[in-house]
Amino acid sequence: MAYNNELADRVRERLALEEDIEVAEKKMFSGLSFLVNGKMCINISHDNLMCRYSAEREDEVSEKKGFLPMIMKGK
């Protein structure tokens, strides 16, 4: 499984700053996933970062540099 270790370290460091969450790592989707409170939140595959976010933030998130929508099985 190929993923950017430096990016994974940055995600680990950022998630460690959050209080009252449980973080687990699991290899999946050809990369490394970070589960927050038992739900997949972030996946790193090669140099790509896939993030789960609230639908209410769609406009804000879609303006970020490099944003591409992720569609899996039509969803």
N, C-alpha and C. Protein backbone atom coordinates (compact mmCIF):
# COMPACT_ATOMS: atom_id res chain seq x y z
N MET A 1 0.85 -1.17 0.00
CA MET A 1 0.00 0.00 0.00
C MET A 1 0.89 1.23 0.00
N ALA A 2 0.67 2.08 -0.97
CA ALA A 2 1.51 3.26 -1.10
C ALA A 2 0.76 4.50 -0.63
N TYR A 3 1.38 5.18 0.33
CA TYR A 3 0.85 6.47 0.76
C TYR A 3 2.01 7.33 1.23
N ASN A 4 1.79 8.61 1.21
CA ASN A 4 2.80 9.58 1.57
C ASN A 4 2.96 9.60 3.09
N ASN A 5 4.09 9.10 3.58
CA ASN A 5 4.34 9.03 5.03
C ASN A 5 4.40 10.40 5.68
N GLU A 6 4.95 11.37 4.98
CA GLU A 6 5.04 12.73 5.52
C GLU A 6 3.63 13.31 5.71
N LEU A 7 2.76 13.09 4.74
CA LEU A 7 1.38 13.56 4.85
C LEU A 7 0.67 12.84 5.99
N ALA A 8 0.91 11.55 6.14
CA ALA A 8 0.31 10.78 7.23
C ALA A 8 0.77 11.33 8.58
N ASP A 9 2.03 11.68 8.70
CA ASP A 9 2.54 12.25 9.95
C ASP A 9 1.87 13.59 10.25
N ARG A 10 1.65 14.40 9.22
CA ARG A 10 0.98 15.70 9.42
C ARG A 10 -0.46 15.50 9.90
N VAL A 11 -1.15 14.51 9.33
CA VAL A 11 -2.51 14.22 9.76
C VAL A 11 -2.52 13.74 11.21
N ARG A 12 -1.60 12.85 11.55
CA ARG A 12 -1.49 12.36 12.94
C ARG A 12 -1.30 13.52 13.92
N GLU A 13 -0.37 14.41 13.58
CA GLU A 13 -0.08 15.55 14.45
C GLU A 13 -1.30 16.44 14.62
N ARG A 14 -2.03 16.67 13.54
CA ARG A 14 -3.21 17.54 13.61
C ARG A 14 -4.32 16.89 14.42
N LEU A 15 -4.57 15.62 14.19
CA LEU A 15 -5.63 14.94 14.93
C LEU A 15 -5.29 14.82 16.41
N ALA A 16 -4.01 14.76 16.74
CA ALA A 16 -3.59 14.66 18.14
C ALA A 16 -3.94 15.93 18.92
N LEU A 17 -4.15 17.03 18.24
CA LEU A 17 -4.51 18.29 18.90
C LEU A 17 -5.96 18.32 19.35
N GLU A 18 -6.78 17.46 18.76
CA GLU A 18 -8.21 17.44 19.08
C GLU A 18 -8.45 16.70 20.39
N GLU A 19 -9.29 17.26 21.20
CA GLU A 19 -9.65 16.62 22.47
C GLU A 19 -10.93 15.82 22.30
N ASP A 20 -11.09 14.84 23.13
CA ASP A 20 -12.33 14.06 23.20
C ASP A 20 -12.68 13.32 21.91
N ILE A 21 -11.66 12.89 21.17
CA ILE A 21 -11.92 12.02 20.02
C ILE A 21 -11.03 10.80 20.12
N GLU A 22 -11.49 9.72 19.55
CA GLU A 22 -10.71 8.48 19.50
C GLU A 22 -10.26 8.30 18.06
N VAL A 23 -8.96 8.19 17.84
CA VAL A 23 -8.40 8.06 16.50
C VAL A 23 -7.79 6.67 16.34
N ALA A 24 -8.11 6.03 15.22
CA ALA A 24 -7.50 4.74 14.89
C ALA A 24 -7.03 4.81 13.44
N GLU A 25 -6.02 4.04 13.11
CA GLU A 25 -5.51 3.97 11.75
C GLU A 25 -5.76 2.58 11.19
N LYS A 26 -6.12 2.54 9.91
CA LYS A 26 -6.41 1.26 9.28
C LYS A 26 -6.01 1.33 7.82
N LYS A 27 -5.34 0.31 7.34
CA LYS A 27 -4.98 0.26 5.93
C LYS A 27 -6.22 -0.14 5.12
N MET A 28 -6.61 0.74 4.21
CA MET A 28 -7.77 0.48 3.35
C MET A 28 -7.75 1.43 2.16
N PHE A 29 -8.52 1.12 1.12
CA PHE A 29 -8.59 1.93 -0.10
C PHE A 29 -7.20 2.18 -0.68
N SER A 30 -6.36 1.19 -0.67
CA SER A 30 -4.99 1.29 -1.20
C SER A 30 -4.17 2.37 -0.51
N GLY A 31 -4.47 2.62 0.75
CA GLY A 31 -3.72 3.64 1.48
C GLY A 31 -3.92 3.47 2.97
N LEU A 32 -3.88 4.58 3.67
CA LEU A 32 -4.02 4.60 5.11
C LEU A 32 -5.21 5.47 5.49
N SER A 33 -6.14 4.91 6.25
CA SER A 33 -7.32 5.65 6.69
C SER A 33 -7.20 5.99 8.16
N PHE A 34 -7.73 7.15 8.51
CA PHE A 34 -7.83 7.59 9.89
C PHE A 34 -9.30 7.56 10.26
N LEU A 35 -9.61 6.77 11.28
CA LEU A 35 -10.99 6.68 11.75
C LEU A 35 -11.10 7.53 13.01
N VAL A 36 -12.13 8.35 13.05
CA VAL A 36 -12.38 9.20 14.21
C VAL A 36 -13.69 8.73 14.83
N ASN A 37 -13.60 8.33 16.08
CA ASN A 37 -14.76 7.79 16.80
C ASN A 37 -15.43 6.67 16.01
N GLY A 38 -14.60 5.82 15.39
CA GLY A 38 -15.09 4.64 14.69
C GLY A 38 -15.54 4.85 13.26
N LYS A 39 -15.46 6.08 12.75
CA LYS A 39 -15.90 6.36 11.38
C LYS A 39 -14.74 6.92 10.56
N MET A 40 -14.66 6.45 9.29
CA MET A 40 -13.60 6.92 8.42
C MET A 40 -13.73 8.42 8.21
N CYS A 41 -12.65 9.13 8.45
CA CYS A 41 -12.64 10.58 8.35
C CYS A 41 -11.69 11.04 7.25
N ILE A 42 -10.50 10.43 7.20
CA ILE A 42 -9.46 10.84 6.25
C ILE A 42 -8.80 9.59 5.70
N ASN A 43 -8.49 9.63 4.39
CA ASN A 43 -7.74 8.54 3.76
C ASN A 43 -6.62 9.16 2.96
N ILE A 44 -5.43 8.57 3.07
CA ILE A 44 -4.28 9.01 2.29
C ILE A 44 -3.92 7.87 1.35
N SER A 45 -3.90 8.17 0.06
CA SER A 45 -3.49 7.20 -0.95
C SER A 45 -2.51 7.91 -1.87
N HIS A 46 -1.29 7.42 -1.94
CA HIS A 46 -0.19 8.09 -2.65
C HIS A 46 -0.05 9.50 -2.07
N ASP A 47 -0.20 10.54 -2.88
CA ASP A 47 -0.11 11.92 -2.38
C ASP A 47 -1.49 12.55 -2.24
N ASN A 48 -2.54 11.77 -2.38
CA ASN A 48 -3.90 12.29 -2.33
C ASN A 48 -4.49 12.15 -0.94
N LEU A 49 -5.29 13.13 -0.57
CA LEU A 49 -5.94 13.16 0.72
C LEU A 49 -7.44 13.21 0.48
N MET A 50 -8.15 12.21 0.97
CA MET A 50 -9.60 12.17 0.86
C MET A 50 -10.17 12.45 2.25
N CYS A 51 -11.04 13.45 2.34
CA CYS A 51 -11.58 13.86 3.64
C CYS A 51 -13.10 13.81 3.64
N ARG A 52 -13.63 13.43 4.77
CA ARG A 52 -15.07 13.44 4.98
C ARG A 52 -15.39 14.72 5.74
N TYR A 53 -16.41 15.43 5.29
CA TYR A 53 -16.79 16.68 5.94
C TYR A 53 -18.30 16.85 5.88
N SER A 54 -18.79 17.77 6.66
CA SER A 54 -20.22 18.05 6.74
C SER A 54 -20.72 18.64 5.42
N ALA A 55 -21.88 18.21 4.96
CA ALA A 55 -22.47 18.71 3.72
C ALA A 55 -22.69 20.22 3.76
N GLU A 56 -22.88 20.77 4.95
CA GLU A 56 -23.09 22.21 5.08
C GLU A 56 -21.84 23.01 4.70
N ARG A 57 -20.69 22.36 4.67
CA ARG A 57 -19.42 23.04 4.35
C ARG A 57 -19.00 22.85 2.90
N GLU A 58 -19.87 22.29 2.07
CA GLU A 58 -19.55 21.98 0.67
C GLU A 58 -18.97 23.19 -0.07
N ASP A 59 -19.63 24.35 0.02
CA ASP A 59 -19.15 25.53 -0.70
C ASP A 59 -17.76 25.95 -0.23
N GLU A 60 -17.55 25.98 1.06
CA GLU A 60 -16.27 26.38 1.64
C GLU A 60 -15.15 25.41 1.22
N VAL A 61 -15.42 24.13 1.35
CA VAL A 61 -14.40 23.11 1.05
C VAL A 61 -14.09 23.07 -0.44
N SER A 62 -15.10 23.22 -1.28
CA SER A 62 -14.89 23.12 -2.73
C SER A 62 -14.04 24.26 -3.29
N GLU A 63 -13.85 25.32 -2.52
CA GLU A 63 -13.01 26.44 -2.96
C GLU A 63 -11.53 26.21 -2.66
N LYS A 64 -11.21 25.17 -1.92
CA LYS A 64 -9.82 24.88 -1.55
C LYS A 64 -9.02 24.42 -2.77
N LYS A 65 -7.76 24.82 -2.81
CA LYS A 65 -6.87 24.42 -3.89
C LYS A 65 -6.76 22.90 -3.95
N GLY A 66 -6.90 22.33 -5.12
CA GLY A 66 -6.76 20.90 -5.31
C GLY A 66 -8.01 20.09 -5.05
N PHE A 67 -9.12 20.74 -4.69
CA PHE A 67 -10.36 20.02 -4.38
C PHE A 67 -10.89 19.30 -5.61
N LEU A 68 -11.26 18.05 -5.41
CA LEU A 68 -11.98 17.26 -6.41
C LEU A 68 -13.02 16.44 -5.66
N PRO A 69 -14.24 16.38 -6.18
CA PRO A 69 -15.24 15.54 -5.49
C PRO A 69 -14.88 14.07 -5.65
N MET A 70 -15.16 13.30 -4.63
CA MET A 70 -14.89 11.86 -4.64
C MET A 70 -16.21 11.13 -4.83
N ILE A 71 -16.28 10.34 -5.87
CA ILE A 71 -17.50 9.58 -6.13
C ILE A 71 -17.14 8.11 -6.13
N MET A 72 -17.78 7.37 -5.21
CA MET A 72 -17.55 5.94 -5.11
C MET A 72 -18.88 5.22 -5.27
N LYS A 73 -18.97 4.36 -6.23
CA LYS A 73 -20.19 3.61 -6.49
C LYS A 73 -21.40 4.52 -6.66
N GLY A 74 -21.18 5.65 -7.37
CA GLY A 74 -22.27 6.57 -7.68
C GLY A 74 -22.68 7.48 -6.55
N LYS A 75 -22.00 7.43 -5.42
CA LYS A 75 -22.38 8.27 -4.28
C LYS A 75 -21.33 9.34 -4.04
